[in-house]
Amino acid sequence: MAQPYDYRNAIRHLRKHDERMGEVISAVGLCKLRIDSNAFRMLSRSIVGQQLSTKAAATIWGRFQELVGDKRVPVSRVQKLNHKQLRGVGLSDSKASYIALLAKNIASKQLKLRTLKDASDDHVIHTLTEQKGIGVWTAHMFLMFSLGRPDVLPTGDLGIANGIQSIYGLKQRPTPEQMRKIAKNWHPFASVASWYCWQWLDLAN
């Protein structure tokens, strides 16, 4: 996996404009956010991880890759798997259907992921969320971890919300609006700050 952009500018910006985030950066260390240029694999992994703990998602994803028989997770191989096989690795009934449908739509070119490379964030979100089983959270993950967009704030991510609550000493988990307000100091590097929120929670645990 590759590094999408130079994190040094992002870290300098965050330290300068958000003292608390600067402390988090010092505690966590270097940013290791990486992108997966394999768009289908990345989206499939995000579907697997929906509403699951990191550990549970990693376990199911590992089984899924073993079933596919290729860590690159080619669309052609996934298309050969039936619903029972997909369910057998621990996928829910709906997630198995979503991944199969995604593979079908990419193979038929109904969904052309390559065309999203230079599209606006809003266009990417709109295009992806038209696919069954892909919501805004998954689209945000795609922007961050497949396209390497530097300024994404996944307000629907529980981990980031919990991280913000801990970092800024909030009594309650922040609402999406409160998250956006706090993140004003992060732009144009909200993706990096979001990554540090996740890492902060790992440190705390």
N, C-alpha and C. Protein backbone atom coordinates (compact mmCIF):
# COMPACT_ATOMS: atom_id res chain seq x y z
N MET A 1 0.84 -1.20 0.00
CA MET A 1 0.00 0.00 0.00
C MET A 1 0.88 1.26 0.00
N ALA A 2 0.44 2.27 -0.69
CA ALA A 2 1.23 3.47 -0.86
C ALA A 2 0.75 4.61 0.04
N GLN A 3 1.64 5.57 0.24
CA GLN A 3 1.28 6.79 0.97
C GLN A 3 0.71 7.76 -0.06
N PRO A 4 -0.50 8.30 0.17
CA PRO A 4 -1.14 9.12 -0.85
C PRO A 4 -0.56 10.51 -1.05
N TYR A 5 0.01 11.10 -0.01
CA TYR A 5 0.55 12.45 -0.13
C TYR A 5 1.52 12.69 1.01
N ASP A 6 2.21 13.83 0.94
CA ASP A 6 3.22 14.16 1.95
C ASP A 6 2.53 14.58 3.25
N TYR A 7 2.69 13.77 4.28
CA TYR A 7 2.01 14.05 5.54
C TYR A 7 2.67 15.17 6.35
N ARG A 8 3.87 15.54 5.99
CA ARG A 8 4.58 16.55 6.79
C ARG A 8 3.83 17.87 6.80
N ASN A 9 3.31 18.28 5.65
CA ASN A 9 2.53 19.53 5.59
C ASN A 9 1.27 19.42 6.44
N ALA A 10 0.63 18.26 6.37
CA ALA A 10 -0.60 18.05 7.14
C ALA A 10 -0.31 18.14 8.63
N ILE A 11 0.76 17.50 9.07
CA ILE A 11 1.10 17.50 10.49
C ILE A 11 1.48 18.90 10.96
N ARG A 12 2.24 19.61 10.14
CA ARG A 12 2.58 21.01 10.50
C ARG A 12 1.33 21.86 10.65
N HIS A 13 0.39 21.68 9.73
CA HIS A 13 -0.86 22.45 9.77
C HIS A 13 -1.67 22.11 11.02
N LEU A 14 -1.80 20.83 11.30
CA LEU A 14 -2.60 20.42 12.46
C LEU A 14 -1.97 20.89 13.77
N ARG A 15 -0.67 20.81 13.87
CA ARG A 15 0.02 21.28 15.09
C ARG A 15 -0.18 22.78 15.27
N LYS A 16 -0.14 23.51 14.17
CA LYS A 16 -0.24 24.96 14.23
C LYS A 16 -1.65 25.43 14.58
N HIS A 17 -2.66 24.74 14.06
CA HIS A 17 -4.04 25.23 14.20
C HIS A 17 -4.87 24.51 15.26
N ASP A 18 -4.32 23.43 15.83
CA ASP A 18 -5.08 22.70 16.85
C ASP A 18 -4.10 22.12 17.86
N GLU A 19 -3.96 22.83 18.97
CA GLU A 19 -2.98 22.43 19.98
C GLU A 19 -3.24 21.03 20.52
N ARG A 20 -4.50 20.71 20.76
CA ARG A 20 -4.82 19.38 21.31
C ARG A 20 -4.47 18.29 20.30
N MET A 21 -4.79 18.51 19.04
CA MET A 21 -4.43 17.52 18.03
C MET A 21 -2.92 17.39 17.92
N GLY A 22 -2.23 18.48 18.11
CA GLY A 22 -0.77 18.43 18.11
C GLY A 22 -0.25 17.51 19.20
N GLU A 23 -0.89 17.53 20.36
CA GLU A 23 -0.49 16.65 21.46
C GLU A 23 -0.76 15.18 21.09
N VAL A 24 -1.87 14.96 20.42
CA VAL A 24 -2.21 13.61 19.98
C VAL A 24 -1.16 13.10 18.98
N ILE A 25 -0.77 13.95 18.05
CA ILE A 25 0.24 13.58 17.06
C ILE A 25 1.55 13.20 17.75
N SER A 26 1.92 13.96 18.77
CA SER A 26 3.15 13.65 19.51
C SER A 26 3.05 12.31 20.21
N ALA A 27 1.87 12.00 20.73
CA ALA A 27 1.67 10.74 21.45
C ALA A 27 1.63 9.54 20.50
N VAL A 28 1.00 9.72 19.34
CA VAL A 28 0.82 8.61 18.41
C VAL A 28 2.07 8.37 17.56
N GLY A 29 2.68 9.46 17.10
CA GLY A 29 3.86 9.32 16.25
C GLY A 29 3.54 9.56 14.79
N LEU A 30 4.38 9.06 13.91
CA LEU A 30 4.24 9.31 12.48
C LEU A 30 2.92 8.79 11.93
N CYS A 31 2.39 9.53 10.97
CA CYS A 31 1.16 9.11 10.31
C CYS A 31 1.47 7.95 9.36
N LYS A 32 0.70 6.88 9.48
CA LYS A 32 0.91 5.70 8.65
C LYS A 32 -0.33 5.38 7.81
N LEU A 33 -1.10 6.41 7.52
CA LEU A 33 -2.27 6.23 6.66
C LEU A 33 -1.79 5.81 5.28
N ARG A 34 -2.32 4.71 4.77
CA ARG A 34 -1.93 4.20 3.47
C ARG A 34 -3.17 3.96 2.61
N ILE A 35 -2.97 4.00 1.30
CA ILE A 35 -4.10 3.77 0.40
C ILE A 35 -3.98 2.41 -0.26
N ASP A 36 -5.13 1.86 -0.61
CA ASP A 36 -5.21 0.61 -1.35
C ASP A 36 -5.72 0.95 -2.74
N SER A 37 -4.88 0.88 -3.74
CA SER A 37 -5.26 1.28 -5.09
C SER A 37 -6.23 0.28 -5.73
N ASN A 38 -6.42 -0.88 -5.11
CA ASN A 38 -7.37 -1.87 -5.61
C ASN A 38 -8.76 -1.48 -5.10
N ALA A 39 -9.51 -0.77 -5.93
CA ALA A 39 -10.78 -0.19 -5.50
C ALA A 39 -11.81 -1.22 -5.10
N PHE A 40 -11.93 -2.32 -5.84
CA PHE A 40 -12.92 -3.34 -5.49
C PHE A 40 -12.57 -3.99 -4.16
N ARG A 41 -11.30 -4.30 -3.96
CA ARG A 41 -10.87 -4.91 -2.69
C ARG A 41 -11.17 -3.97 -1.54
N MET A 42 -10.87 -2.69 -1.73
CA MET A 42 -11.08 -1.72 -0.66
C MET A 42 -12.57 -1.59 -0.31
N LEU A 43 -13.42 -1.53 -1.33
CA LEU A 43 -14.86 -1.40 -1.09
C LEU A 43 -15.42 -2.67 -0.44
N SER A 44 -14.94 -3.81 -0.89
CA SER A 44 -15.39 -5.08 -0.31
C SER A 44 -15.01 -5.14 1.17
N ARG A 45 -13.80 -4.72 1.47
CA ARG A 45 -13.35 -4.74 2.86
C ARG A 45 -14.18 -3.78 3.71
N SER A 46 -14.54 -2.64 3.14
CA SER A 46 -15.38 -1.69 3.88
C SER A 46 -16.76 -2.25 4.14
N ILE A 47 -17.31 -2.97 3.16
CA ILE A 47 -18.62 -3.60 3.36
C ILE A 47 -18.54 -4.65 4.47
N VAL A 48 -17.47 -5.42 4.45
CA VAL A 48 -17.27 -6.43 5.50
C VAL A 48 -17.23 -5.76 6.87
N GLY A 49 -16.58 -4.60 6.96
CA GLY A 49 -16.37 -3.95 8.25
C GLY A 49 -17.53 -3.13 8.77
N GLN A 50 -18.59 -2.99 7.98
CA GLN A 50 -19.72 -2.17 8.42
C GLN A 50 -20.31 -2.69 9.73
N GLN A 51 -20.38 -1.80 10.73
CA GLN A 51 -21.01 -2.09 12.03
C GLN A 51 -20.36 -3.26 12.77
N LEU A 52 -19.07 -3.48 12.53
CA LEU A 52 -18.34 -4.53 13.24
C LEU A 52 -17.14 -3.94 13.95
N SER A 53 -16.68 -4.60 14.99
CA SER A 53 -15.44 -4.18 15.64
C SER A 53 -14.28 -4.44 14.68
N THR A 54 -13.18 -3.76 14.91
CA THR A 54 -12.01 -3.93 14.04
C THR A 54 -11.55 -5.39 14.03
N LYS A 55 -11.56 -6.02 15.21
CA LYS A 55 -11.10 -7.41 15.32
C LYS A 55 -12.01 -8.36 14.56
N ALA A 56 -13.31 -8.21 14.72
CA ALA A 56 -14.26 -9.09 14.04
C ALA A 56 -14.18 -8.92 12.54
N ALA A 57 -14.06 -7.67 12.10
CA ALA A 57 -13.97 -7.38 10.67
C ALA A 57 -12.71 -8.00 10.07
N ALA A 58 -11.59 -7.89 10.80
CA ALA A 58 -10.33 -8.45 10.31
C ALA A 58 -10.41 -9.97 10.18
N THR A 59 -11.07 -10.62 11.12
CA THR A 59 -11.21 -12.07 11.08
C THR A 59 -12.02 -12.52 9.86
N ILE A 60 -13.15 -11.87 9.64
CA ILE A 60 -14.00 -12.23 8.51
C ILE A 60 -13.31 -11.90 7.19
N TRP A 61 -12.63 -10.79 7.14
CA TRP A 61 -11.92 -10.41 5.92
C TRP A 61 -10.83 -11.44 5.59
N GLY A 62 -10.14 -11.91 6.59
CA GLY A 62 -9.11 -12.93 6.38
C GLY A 62 -9.70 -14.19 5.79
N ARG A 63 -10.84 -14.60 6.33
CA ARG A 63 -11.52 -15.79 5.82
C ARG A 63 -11.99 -15.57 4.38
N PHE A 64 -12.47 -14.37 4.12
CA PHE A 64 -12.95 -14.04 2.78
C PHE A 64 -11.81 -14.13 1.76
N GLN A 65 -10.66 -13.58 2.10
CA GLN A 65 -9.51 -13.64 1.20
C GLN A 65 -9.08 -15.09 0.96
N GLU A 66 -9.12 -15.89 2.00
CA GLU A 66 -8.77 -17.31 1.85
C GLU A 66 -9.76 -18.01 0.91
N LEU A 67 -11.03 -17.67 1.04
CA LEU A 67 -12.05 -18.25 0.17
C LEU A 67 -11.81 -17.85 -1.29
N VAL A 68 -11.50 -16.58 -1.51
CA VAL A 68 -11.25 -16.09 -2.86
C VAL A 68 -9.99 -16.77 -3.43
N GLY A 69 -9.01 -17.02 -2.55
CA GLY A 69 -7.79 -17.68 -2.98
C GLY A 69 -6.77 -16.77 -3.60
N ASP A 70 -6.97 -15.47 -3.43
CA ASP A 70 -6.05 -14.48 -3.99
C ASP A 70 -6.23 -13.20 -3.18
N LYS A 71 -5.17 -12.75 -2.51
CA LYS A 71 -5.27 -11.56 -1.67
C LYS A 71 -5.59 -10.29 -2.46
N ARG A 72 -5.42 -10.36 -3.76
CA ARG A 72 -5.78 -9.20 -4.58
C ARG A 72 -7.29 -9.08 -4.75
N VAL A 73 -7.99 -10.15 -4.43
CA VAL A 73 -9.46 -10.22 -4.51
C VAL A 73 -9.97 -9.78 -5.89
N PRO A 74 -9.61 -10.52 -6.93
CA PRO A 74 -10.09 -10.18 -8.28
C PRO A 74 -11.61 -10.31 -8.39
N VAL A 75 -12.21 -9.39 -9.11
CA VAL A 75 -13.66 -9.43 -9.33
C VAL A 75 -14.07 -10.76 -9.94
N SER A 76 -13.29 -11.25 -10.90
CA SER A 76 -13.64 -12.49 -11.59
C SER A 76 -13.74 -13.68 -10.64
N ARG A 77 -12.88 -13.73 -9.64
CA ARG A 77 -12.91 -14.84 -8.68
C ARG A 77 -14.10 -14.73 -7.74
N VAL A 78 -14.41 -13.51 -7.32
CA VAL A 78 -15.55 -13.31 -6.42
C VAL A 78 -16.84 -13.68 -7.13
N GLN A 79 -16.90 -13.41 -8.42
CA GLN A 79 -18.11 -13.74 -9.19
C GLN A 79 -18.38 -15.24 -9.23
N LYS A 80 -17.36 -16.05 -9.06
CA LYS A 80 -17.51 -17.50 -9.11
C LYS A 80 -18.02 -18.08 -7.79
N LEU A 81 -18.05 -17.26 -6.75
CA LEU A 81 -18.50 -17.73 -5.44
C LEU A 81 -20.01 -17.62 -5.32
N ASN A 82 -20.62 -18.62 -4.71
CA ASN A 82 -22.07 -18.54 -4.52
C ASN A 82 -22.40 -17.95 -3.15
N HIS A 83 -23.66 -17.70 -2.96
CA HIS A 83 -24.11 -17.03 -1.73
C HIS A 83 -23.77 -17.85 -0.48
N LYS A 84 -23.93 -19.16 -0.58
CA LYS A 84 -23.64 -20.03 0.56
C LYS A 84 -22.16 -19.95 0.94
N GLN A 85 -21.30 -19.91 -0.04
CA GLN A 85 -19.86 -19.81 0.24
C GLN A 85 -19.52 -18.48 0.93
N LEU A 86 -20.10 -17.41 0.46
CA LEU A 86 -19.86 -16.10 1.06
C LEU A 86 -20.37 -16.05 2.50
N ARG A 87 -21.54 -16.63 2.71
CA ARG A 87 -22.09 -16.67 4.06
C ARG A 87 -21.21 -17.51 4.98
N GLY A 88 -20.55 -18.50 4.41
CA GLY A 88 -19.75 -19.42 5.20
C GLY A 88 -18.54 -18.81 5.86
N VAL A 89 -18.08 -17.66 5.39
CA VAL A 89 -16.91 -17.02 6.01
C VAL A 89 -17.32 -16.07 7.13
N GLY A 90 -18.64 -15.96 7.36
CA GLY A 90 -19.10 -15.11 8.45
C GLY A 90 -19.81 -13.85 7.99
N LEU A 91 -19.97 -13.70 6.69
CA LEU A 91 -20.70 -12.53 6.19
C LEU A 91 -22.19 -12.69 6.47
N SER A 92 -22.83 -11.59 6.79
CA SER A 92 -24.28 -11.62 6.97
C SER A 92 -24.93 -11.86 5.60
N ASP A 93 -26.19 -12.20 5.62
CA ASP A 93 -26.92 -12.45 4.38
C ASP A 93 -26.86 -11.23 3.47
N SER A 94 -27.07 -10.05 4.06
CA SER A 94 -27.08 -8.82 3.25
C SER A 94 -25.70 -8.47 2.73
N LYS A 95 -24.66 -8.60 3.56
CA LYS A 95 -23.32 -8.26 3.11
C LYS A 95 -22.83 -9.18 2.00
N ALA A 96 -23.19 -10.45 2.08
CA ALA A 96 -22.83 -11.40 1.02
C ALA A 96 -23.47 -10.96 -0.30
N SER A 97 -24.73 -10.53 -0.22
CA SER A 97 -25.44 -10.06 -1.42
C SER A 97 -24.82 -8.78 -1.96
N TYR A 98 -24.44 -7.87 -1.06
CA TYR A 98 -23.87 -6.59 -1.48
C TYR A 98 -22.54 -6.79 -2.23
N ILE A 99 -21.69 -7.66 -1.70
CA ILE A 99 -20.39 -7.88 -2.33
C ILE A 99 -20.56 -8.56 -3.69
N ALA A 100 -21.47 -9.51 -3.76
CA ALA A 100 -21.74 -10.19 -5.03
C ALA A 100 -22.28 -9.21 -6.07
N LEU A 101 -23.17 -8.32 -5.64
CA LEU A 101 -23.75 -7.33 -6.55
C LEU A 101 -22.70 -6.32 -7.00
N LEU A 102 -21.82 -5.93 -6.08
CA LEU A 102 -20.75 -5.00 -6.43
C LEU A 102 -19.85 -5.60 -7.51
N ALA A 103 -19.48 -6.86 -7.32
CA ALA A 103 -18.64 -7.55 -8.31
C ALA A 103 -19.35 -7.60 -9.67
N LYS A 104 -20.63 -7.90 -9.64
CA LYS A 104 -21.41 -7.99 -10.88
C LYS A 104 -21.47 -6.64 -11.59
N ASN A 105 -21.69 -5.57 -10.84
CA ASN A 105 -21.82 -4.24 -11.44
C ASN A 105 -20.49 -3.74 -12.00
N ILE A 106 -19.39 -4.11 -11.35
CA ILE A 106 -18.07 -3.71 -11.86
C ILE A 106 -17.73 -4.51 -13.11
N ALA A 107 -18.02 -5.81 -13.09
CA ALA A 107 -17.72 -6.66 -14.24
C ALA A 107 -18.52 -6.23 -15.47
N SER A 108 -19.77 -5.81 -15.25
CA SER A 108 -20.64 -5.39 -16.36
C SER A 108 -20.40 -3.95 -16.77
N LYS A 109 -19.51 -3.28 -16.02
CA LYS A 109 -19.16 -1.87 -16.25
C LYS A 109 -20.33 -0.92 -15.98
N GLN A 110 -21.29 -1.42 -15.22
CA GLN A 110 -22.35 -0.51 -14.75
C GLN A 110 -21.75 0.49 -13.77
N LEU A 111 -20.77 0.03 -13.01
CA LEU A 111 -20.03 0.90 -12.10
C LEU A 111 -18.58 0.95 -12.56
N LYS A 112 -18.13 2.12 -12.97
CA LYS A 112 -16.77 2.29 -13.48
C LYS A 112 -15.95 3.06 -12.44
N LEU A 113 -15.29 2.32 -11.57
CA LEU A 113 -14.56 2.93 -10.46
C LEU A 113 -13.40 3.81 -10.92
N ARG A 114 -12.81 3.46 -12.05
CA ARG A 114 -11.66 4.24 -12.52
C ARG A 114 -12.04 5.68 -12.87
N THR A 115 -13.30 5.89 -13.25
CA THR A 115 -13.74 7.23 -13.63
C THR A 115 -13.86 8.15 -12.42
N LEU A 116 -13.82 7.58 -11.21
CA LEU A 116 -13.98 8.38 -10.00
C LEU A 116 -12.67 9.02 -9.54
N LYS A 117 -11.56 8.61 -10.14
CA LYS A 117 -10.25 9.07 -9.69
C LYS A 117 -10.15 10.58 -9.65
N ASP A 118 -10.67 11.25 -10.66
CA ASP A 118 -10.55 12.70 -10.75
C ASP A 118 -11.86 13.43 -10.47
N ALA A 119 -12.85 12.69 -10.00
CA ALA A 119 -14.16 13.30 -9.71
C ALA A 119 -14.13 14.02 -8.36
N SER A 120 -15.07 14.93 -8.17
CA SER A 120 -15.17 15.64 -6.90
C SER A 120 -15.60 14.67 -5.80
N ASP A 121 -15.32 15.03 -4.55
CA ASP A 121 -15.73 14.18 -3.43
C ASP A 121 -17.23 13.95 -3.46
N ASP A 122 -17.99 15.00 -3.70
CA ASP A 122 -19.45 14.87 -3.71
C ASP A 122 -19.93 13.92 -4.81
N HIS A 123 -19.29 14.00 -5.97
CA HIS A 123 -19.67 13.11 -7.08
C HIS A 123 -19.35 11.66 -6.74
N VAL A 124 -18.20 11.44 -6.11
CA VAL A 124 -17.82 10.08 -5.70
C VAL A 124 -18.84 9.52 -4.73
N ILE A 125 -19.20 10.32 -3.73
CA ILE A 125 -20.18 9.88 -2.73
C ILE A 125 -21.52 9.56 -3.38
N HIS A 126 -21.96 10.45 -4.28
CA HIS A 126 -23.24 10.24 -4.96
C HIS A 126 -23.23 8.97 -5.79
N THR A 127 -22.15 8.75 -6.53
CA THR A 127 -22.05 7.57 -7.39
C THR A 127 -22.03 6.28 -6.59
N LEU A 128 -21.23 6.26 -5.55
CA LEU A 128 -21.10 5.03 -4.75
C LEU A 128 -22.36 4.71 -3.97
N THR A 129 -23.00 5.72 -3.42
CA THR A 129 -24.18 5.46 -2.59
C THR A 129 -25.40 5.06 -3.41
N GLU A 130 -25.29 5.11 -4.73
CA GLU A 130 -26.35 4.57 -5.58
C GLU A 130 -26.28 3.04 -5.63
N GLN A 131 -25.14 2.50 -5.20
CA GLN A 131 -24.96 1.05 -5.16
C GLN A 131 -25.57 0.49 -3.87
N LYS A 132 -26.33 -0.57 -3.99
CA LYS A 132 -26.95 -1.19 -2.83
C LYS A 132 -25.88 -1.69 -1.86
N GLY A 133 -26.00 -1.33 -0.60
CA GLY A 133 -25.05 -1.78 0.41
C GLY A 133 -23.91 -0.81 0.65
N ILE A 134 -23.84 0.26 -0.13
CA ILE A 134 -22.80 1.26 0.07
C ILE A 134 -23.45 2.56 0.53
N GLY A 135 -23.13 2.95 1.76
CA GLY A 135 -23.65 4.20 2.31
C GLY A 135 -22.57 5.26 2.34
N VAL A 136 -22.88 6.36 2.99
CA VAL A 136 -21.95 7.48 3.04
C VAL A 136 -20.66 7.10 3.76
N TRP A 137 -20.77 6.30 4.84
CA TRP A 137 -19.56 5.90 5.57
C TRP A 137 -18.59 5.16 4.65
N THR A 138 -19.10 4.18 3.90
CA THR A 138 -18.25 3.42 2.99
C THR A 138 -17.66 4.31 1.91
N ALA A 139 -18.46 5.25 1.43
CA ALA A 139 -17.95 6.20 0.42
C ALA A 139 -16.83 7.06 1.00
N HIS A 140 -16.97 7.46 2.26
CA HIS A 140 -15.91 8.22 2.92
C HIS A 140 -14.63 7.39 3.04
N MET A 141 -14.79 6.11 3.39
CA MET A 141 -13.62 5.24 3.48
C MET A 141 -12.94 5.10 2.12
N PHE A 142 -13.74 5.02 1.07
CA PHE A 142 -13.20 4.93 -0.29
C PHE A 142 -12.40 6.19 -0.63
N LEU A 143 -12.95 7.34 -0.29
CA LEU A 143 -12.25 8.61 -0.56
C LEU A 143 -10.91 8.65 0.17
N MET A 144 -10.90 8.20 1.41
CA MET A 144 -9.69 8.25 2.22
C MET A 144 -8.67 7.20 1.82
N PHE A 145 -9.14 5.96 1.70
CA PHE A 145 -8.21 4.83 1.61
C PHE A 145 -8.04 4.24 0.21
N SER A 146 -8.81 4.73 -0.76
CA SER A 146 -8.60 4.27 -2.13
C SER A 146 -8.16 5.43 -3.02
N LEU A 147 -8.81 6.57 -2.88
CA LEU A 147 -8.46 7.73 -3.69
C LEU A 147 -7.43 8.63 -3.01
N GLY A 148 -7.22 8.43 -1.71
CA GLY A 148 -6.21 9.22 -1.01
C GLY A 148 -6.56 10.70 -0.89
N ARG A 149 -7.84 11.00 -0.72
CA ARG A 149 -8.26 12.40 -0.58
C ARG A 149 -7.86 12.89 0.82
N PRO A 150 -7.23 14.06 0.92
CA PRO A 150 -6.68 14.52 2.20
C PRO A 150 -7.66 15.18 3.15
N ASP A 151 -8.86 15.54 2.69
CA ASP A 151 -9.73 16.37 3.52
C ASP A 151 -11.11 15.75 3.71
N VAL A 152 -11.13 14.52 4.20
CA VAL A 152 -12.39 13.81 4.42
C VAL A 152 -12.66 13.69 5.91
N LEU A 153 -13.88 14.02 6.31
CA LEU A 153 -14.30 13.90 7.71
C LEU A 153 -15.49 12.94 7.78
N PRO A 154 -15.26 11.68 8.14
CA PRO A 154 -16.37 10.71 8.23
C PRO A 154 -17.18 10.90 9.50
N THR A 155 -18.15 11.79 9.45
CA THR A 155 -18.93 12.12 10.64
C THR A 155 -19.78 10.95 11.12
N GLY A 156 -19.98 9.94 10.27
CA GLY A 156 -20.76 8.78 10.68
C GLY A 156 -19.92 7.67 11.29
N ASP A 157 -18.64 7.93 11.48
CA ASP A 157 -17.75 6.90 12.03
C ASP A 157 -17.72 6.98 13.55
N LEU A 158 -18.12 5.89 14.20
CA LEU A 158 -18.19 5.87 15.65
C LEU A 158 -16.82 6.04 16.29
N GLY A 159 -15.80 5.44 15.69
CA GLY A 159 -14.45 5.55 16.24
C GLY A 159 -13.94 6.98 16.25
N ILE A 160 -14.19 7.69 15.17
CA ILE A 160 -13.75 9.08 15.10
C ILE A 160 -14.53 9.94 16.10
N ALA A 161 -15.82 9.69 16.20
CA ALA A 161 -16.64 10.43 17.17
C ALA A 161 -16.15 10.18 18.59
N ASN A 162 -15.86 8.91 18.91
CA ASN A 162 -15.34 8.58 20.25
C ASN A 162 -13.96 9.19 20.48
N GLY A 163 -13.15 9.20 19.41
CA GLY A 163 -11.84 9.81 19.52
C GLY A 163 -11.92 11.29 19.81
N ILE A 164 -12.80 11.97 19.12
CA ILE A 164 -12.99 13.41 19.35
C ILE A 164 -13.49 13.66 20.77
N GLN A 165 -14.42 12.83 21.23
CA GLN A 165 -14.93 12.98 22.60
C GLN A 165 -13.80 12.88 23.61
N SER A 166 -12.91 11.90 23.41
CA SER A 166 -11.79 11.70 24.33
C SER A 166 -10.75 12.81 24.22
N ILE A 167 -10.38 13.15 23.01
CA ILE A 167 -9.33 14.15 22.78
C ILE A 167 -9.71 15.51 23.33
N TYR A 168 -10.96 15.90 23.14
CA TYR A 168 -11.39 17.25 23.52
C TYR A 168 -12.16 17.27 24.84
N GLY A 169 -12.20 16.15 25.53
CA GLY A 169 -12.81 16.11 26.85
C GLY A 169 -14.29 16.43 26.87
N LEU A 170 -15.02 15.94 25.89
CA LEU A 170 -16.45 16.20 25.81
C LEU A 170 -17.21 15.25 26.73
N LYS A 171 -18.28 15.72 27.33
CA LYS A 171 -19.08 14.89 28.23
C LYS A 171 -19.86 13.83 27.47
N GLN A 172 -20.25 14.15 26.26
CA GLN A 172 -21.02 13.22 25.44
C GLN A 172 -20.37 13.07 24.07
N ARG A 173 -20.70 11.97 23.43
CA ARG A 173 -20.20 11.77 22.07
C ARG A 173 -20.72 12.90 21.18
N PRO A 174 -19.86 13.52 20.38
CA PRO A 174 -20.28 14.66 19.57
C PRO A 174 -21.24 14.28 18.44
N THR A 175 -22.11 15.20 18.12
CA THR A 175 -22.99 15.03 16.97
C THR A 175 -22.18 15.33 15.70
N PRO A 176 -22.68 14.94 14.53
CA PRO A 176 -21.98 15.27 13.29
C PRO A 176 -21.70 16.77 13.16
N GLU A 177 -22.65 17.60 13.59
CA GLU A 177 -22.46 19.05 13.51
C GLU A 177 -21.33 19.49 14.43
N GLN A 178 -21.27 18.95 15.63
CA GLN A 178 -20.18 19.28 16.55
C GLN A 178 -18.83 18.80 16.01
N MET A 179 -18.83 17.65 15.35
CA MET A 179 -17.61 17.14 14.74
C MET A 179 -17.12 18.08 13.65
N ARG A 180 -18.03 18.55 12.83
CA ARG A 180 -17.66 19.48 11.76
C ARG A 180 -17.12 20.79 12.32
N LYS A 181 -17.69 21.24 13.44
CA LYS A 181 -17.23 22.48 14.06
C LYS A 181 -15.80 22.33 14.57
N ILE A 182 -15.52 21.24 15.25
CA ILE A 182 -14.18 20.99 15.76
C ILE A 182 -13.18 20.84 14.62
N ALA A 183 -13.63 20.21 13.54
CA ALA A 183 -12.75 19.91 12.40
C ALA A 183 -12.43 21.12 11.54
N LYS A 184 -13.05 22.26 11.82
CA LYS A 184 -12.74 23.46 11.03
C LYS A 184 -11.26 23.78 11.08
N ASN A 185 -10.63 23.49 12.21
CA ASN A 185 -9.20 23.75 12.34
C ASN A 185 -8.34 22.71 11.62
N TRP A 186 -8.94 21.62 11.21
CA TRP A 186 -8.19 20.55 10.55
C TRP A 186 -8.03 20.75 9.05
N HIS A 187 -9.01 21.40 8.45
CA HIS A 187 -9.01 21.54 6.98
C HIS A 187 -7.77 22.30 6.51
N PRO A 188 -7.16 21.86 5.40
CA PRO A 188 -7.60 20.86 4.42
C PRO A 188 -7.01 19.45 4.64
N PHE A 189 -6.82 19.07 5.90
CA PHE A 189 -6.21 17.77 6.19
C PHE A 189 -7.04 16.97 7.20
N ALA A 190 -8.36 16.98 7.01
CA ALA A 190 -9.23 16.26 7.93
C ALA A 190 -9.01 14.75 7.90
N SER A 191 -8.57 14.23 6.78
CA SER A 191 -8.31 12.78 6.70
C SER A 191 -7.22 12.36 7.66
N VAL A 192 -6.16 13.15 7.71
CA VAL A 192 -5.04 12.84 8.60
C VAL A 192 -5.47 12.96 10.06
N ALA A 193 -6.20 14.02 10.38
CA ALA A 193 -6.69 14.20 11.74
C ALA A 193 -7.63 13.06 12.13
N SER A 194 -8.46 12.62 11.19
CA SER A 194 -9.37 11.51 11.46
C SER A 194 -8.58 10.24 11.77
N TRP A 195 -7.51 10.02 11.01
CA TRP A 195 -6.66 8.85 11.25
C TRP A 195 -6.06 8.91 12.65
N TYR A 196 -5.65 10.10 13.08
CA TYR A 196 -5.09 10.25 14.43
C TYR A 196 -6.15 10.02 15.51
N CYS A 197 -7.40 10.33 15.21
CA CYS A 197 -8.47 10.04 16.18
C CYS A 197 -8.58 8.54 16.41
N TRP A 198 -8.51 7.76 15.33
CA TRP A 198 -8.56 6.31 15.47
C TRP A 198 -7.38 5.79 16.29
N GLN A 199 -6.19 6.31 15.98
CA GLN A 199 -5.00 5.83 16.67
C GLN A 199 -5.01 6.23 18.15
N TRP A 200 -5.57 7.37 18.45
CA TRP A 200 -5.67 7.83 19.83
C TRP A 200 -6.51 6.85 20.65
N LEU A 201 -7.60 6.39 20.06
CA LEU A 201 -8.44 5.43 20.76
C LEU A 201 -7.69 4.13 21.03
N ASP A 202 -6.89 3.70 20.06
CA ASP A 202 -6.08 2.49 20.26
C ASP A 202 -5.11 2.66 21.41
N LEU A 203 -4.51 3.84 21.51
CA LEU A 203 -3.59 4.12 22.61
C LEU A 203 -4.32 4.09 23.95
N ALA A 204 -5.49 4.69 23.97
CA ALA A 204 -6.26 4.78 25.20
C ALA A 204 -6.71 3.41 25.70
N ASN A 205 -6.88 2.49 24.75
CA ASN A 205 -7.33 1.14 25.11
C ASN A 205 -6.16 0.20 25.37
